[in-house]
Amino acid sequence: MSDATLLLAQIESGDSTAAAQLLALLYDELRKLATNKNGPRSPGPHFTTDRARS
């Protein structure tokens, strides 16, 4: 079983900490997918300036 599947089973069993663990696991996986798709970014805020001001 995957970690996510085990955490879902724990949530069904009433484990109050499993939801936070699942969220952290999913967040890490989404960050990895985004990095693979978009490439690494430097830390700090990122702004786009592609719209002209009126």
N, C-alpha and C. Protein backbone atom coordinates (compact mmCIF):
# COMPACT_ATOMS: atom_id res chain seq x y z
N MET A 1 0.84 -1.19 0.00
CA MET A 1 0.00 0.00 0.00
C MET A 1 0.88 1.25 0.00
N SER A 2 0.40 2.28 -0.68
CA SER A 2 1.14 3.53 -0.69
C SER A 2 0.91 4.28 0.62
N ASP A 3 1.76 5.26 0.87
CA ASP A 3 1.61 6.08 2.07
C ASP A 3 0.26 6.78 2.10
N ALA A 4 -0.17 7.28 0.94
CA ALA A 4 -1.45 7.97 0.87
C ALA A 4 -2.60 7.03 1.22
N THR A 5 -2.55 5.81 0.72
CA THR A 5 -3.60 4.84 1.00
C THR A 5 -3.65 4.51 2.48
N LEU A 6 -2.48 4.34 3.08
CA LEU A 6 -2.44 4.06 4.52
C LEU A 6 -2.99 5.23 5.32
N LEU A 7 -2.65 6.43 4.93
CA LEU A 7 -3.16 7.60 5.65
C LEU A 7 -4.67 7.73 5.49
N LEU A 8 -5.20 7.43 4.31
CA LEU A 8 -6.64 7.46 4.12
C LEU A 8 -7.34 6.44 5.02
N ALA A 9 -6.75 5.26 5.16
CA ALA A 9 -7.31 4.24 6.04
C ALA A 9 -7.28 4.71 7.49
N GLN A 10 -6.19 5.39 7.87
CA GLN A 10 -6.10 5.91 9.23
C GLN A 10 -7.14 7.00 9.48
N ILE A 11 -7.39 7.83 8.48
CA ILE A 11 -8.42 8.87 8.61
C ILE A 11 -9.78 8.21 8.83
N GLU A 12 -10.08 7.17 8.05
CA GLU A 12 -11.34 6.45 8.22
C GLU A 12 -11.46 5.83 9.60
N SER A 13 -10.32 5.45 10.18
CA SER A 13 -10.33 4.83 11.51
C SER A 13 -10.41 5.86 12.63
N GLY A 14 -10.39 7.14 12.27
CA GLY A 14 -10.53 8.18 13.28
C GLY A 14 -9.24 8.81 13.76
N ASP A 15 -8.12 8.52 13.09
CA ASP A 15 -6.84 9.12 13.48
C ASP A 15 -6.86 10.61 13.15
N SER A 16 -6.79 11.45 14.18
CA SER A 16 -6.93 12.89 13.98
C SER A 16 -5.67 13.53 13.39
N THR A 17 -4.55 12.87 13.41
CA THR A 17 -3.32 13.44 12.85
C THR A 17 -3.07 13.01 11.40
N ALA A 18 -3.78 12.00 10.95
CA ALA A 18 -3.54 11.45 9.61
C ALA A 18 -3.89 12.45 8.51
N ALA A 19 -4.90 13.28 8.71
CA ALA A 19 -5.29 14.25 7.69
C ALA A 19 -4.17 15.26 7.45
N ALA A 20 -3.54 15.73 8.51
CA ALA A 20 -2.43 16.68 8.36
C ALA A 20 -1.24 16.02 7.67
N GLN A 21 -0.99 14.77 7.99
CA GLN A 21 0.10 14.04 7.36
C GLN A 21 -0.18 13.83 5.87
N LEU A 22 -1.43 13.53 5.53
CA LEU A 22 -1.80 13.34 4.13
C LEU A 22 -1.65 14.65 3.37
N LEU A 23 -2.08 15.75 3.95
CA LEU A 23 -1.96 17.04 3.30
C LEU A 23 -0.49 17.37 3.04
N ALA A 24 0.37 17.13 4.01
CA ALA A 24 1.80 17.39 3.82
C ALA A 24 2.38 16.51 2.71
N LEU A 25 1.98 15.26 2.67
CA LEU A 25 2.46 14.34 1.64
C LEU A 25 2.01 14.80 0.25
N LEU A 26 0.75 15.17 0.12
CA LEU A 26 0.24 15.62 -1.17
C LEU A 26 0.88 16.93 -1.60
N TYR A 27 1.08 17.84 -0.66
CA TYR A 27 1.71 19.12 -0.97
C TYR A 27 3.12 18.91 -1.51
N ASP A 28 3.89 18.04 -0.87
CA ASP A 28 5.24 17.74 -1.33
C ASP A 28 5.22 17.16 -2.75
N GLU A 29 4.29 16.25 -3.01
CA GLU A 29 4.20 15.64 -4.33
C GLU A 29 3.81 16.68 -5.39
N LEU A 30 2.88 17.57 -5.06
CA LEU A 30 2.48 18.61 -6.01
C LEU A 30 3.63 19.57 -6.30
N ARG A 31 4.43 19.89 -5.29
CA ARG A 31 5.59 20.76 -5.50
C ARG A 31 6.60 20.09 -6.43
N LYS A 32 6.81 18.78 -6.27
CA LYS A 32 7.72 18.05 -7.14
C LYS A 32 7.22 18.06 -8.59
N LEU A 33 5.93 17.83 -8.76
CA LEU A 33 5.35 17.84 -10.10
C LEU A 33 5.48 19.22 -10.74
N ALA A 34 5.23 20.26 -9.99
CA ALA A 34 5.33 21.62 -10.52
C ALA A 34 6.77 21.96 -10.88
N THR A 35 7.72 21.53 -10.07
CA THR A 35 9.13 21.79 -10.36
C THR A 35 9.55 21.07 -11.62
N ASN A 36 9.10 19.84 -11.79
CA ASN A 36 9.44 19.08 -12.99
C ASN A 36 8.83 19.71 -14.23
N LYS A 37 7.64 20.27 -14.10
CA LYS A 37 6.97 20.87 -15.25
C LYS A 37 7.51 22.26 -15.56
N ASN A 38 7.72 23.07 -14.55
CA ASN A 38 8.07 24.48 -14.74
C ASN A 38 9.54 24.79 -14.52
N GLY A 39 10.28 23.89 -13.95
CA GLY A 39 11.67 24.15 -13.63
C GLY A 39 11.79 24.79 -12.26
N PRO A 40 12.98 24.74 -11.68
CA PRO A 40 13.16 25.29 -10.34
C PRO A 40 13.03 26.81 -10.36
N ARG A 41 12.60 27.38 -9.24
CA ARG A 41 12.47 28.83 -9.08
C ARG A 41 13.34 29.27 -7.92
N SER A 42 13.79 30.48 -8.01
CA SER A 42 14.54 31.04 -6.90
C SER A 42 13.55 31.42 -5.79
N PRO A 43 14.01 31.43 -4.55
CA PRO A 43 13.11 31.78 -3.45
C PRO A 43 12.67 33.24 -3.55
N GLY A 44 11.55 33.54 -2.95
CA GLY A 44 11.05 34.91 -2.93
C GLY A 44 9.83 35.08 -3.80
N PRO A 45 9.24 36.26 -3.77
CA PRO A 45 8.02 36.50 -4.55
C PRO A 45 8.31 36.56 -6.04
N HIS A 46 7.33 36.17 -6.82
CA HIS A 46 7.45 36.19 -8.27
C HIS A 46 6.27 36.95 -8.85
N PHE A 47 6.56 37.93 -9.67
CA PHE A 47 5.51 38.74 -10.26
C PHE A 47 5.65 38.71 -11.77
N THR A 48 4.53 38.77 -12.46
CA THR A 48 4.57 38.87 -13.91
C THR A 48 4.27 40.32 -14.29
N THR A 49 4.93 40.79 -15.33
CA THR A 49 4.74 42.16 -15.77
C THR A 49 4.35 42.19 -17.25
N ASP A 50 3.58 41.21 -17.68
CA ASP A 50 3.23 41.13 -19.09
C ASP A 50 2.02 41.97 -19.47
N ARG A 51 1.36 42.61 -18.52
CA ARG A 51 0.22 43.48 -18.82
C ARG A 51 0.66 44.93 -18.75
N ALA A 52 0.32 45.67 -19.75
CA ALA A 52 0.68 47.09 -19.79
C ALA A 52 -0.25 47.89 -18.88
N ARG A 53 0.33 48.88 -18.24
CA ARG A 53 -0.49 49.76 -17.38
C ARG A 53 -1.18 50.80 -18.25
N SER A 54 -2.38 51.20 -17.83
CA SER A 54 -3.09 52.24 -18.56
C SER A 54 -2.92 53.58 -17.90
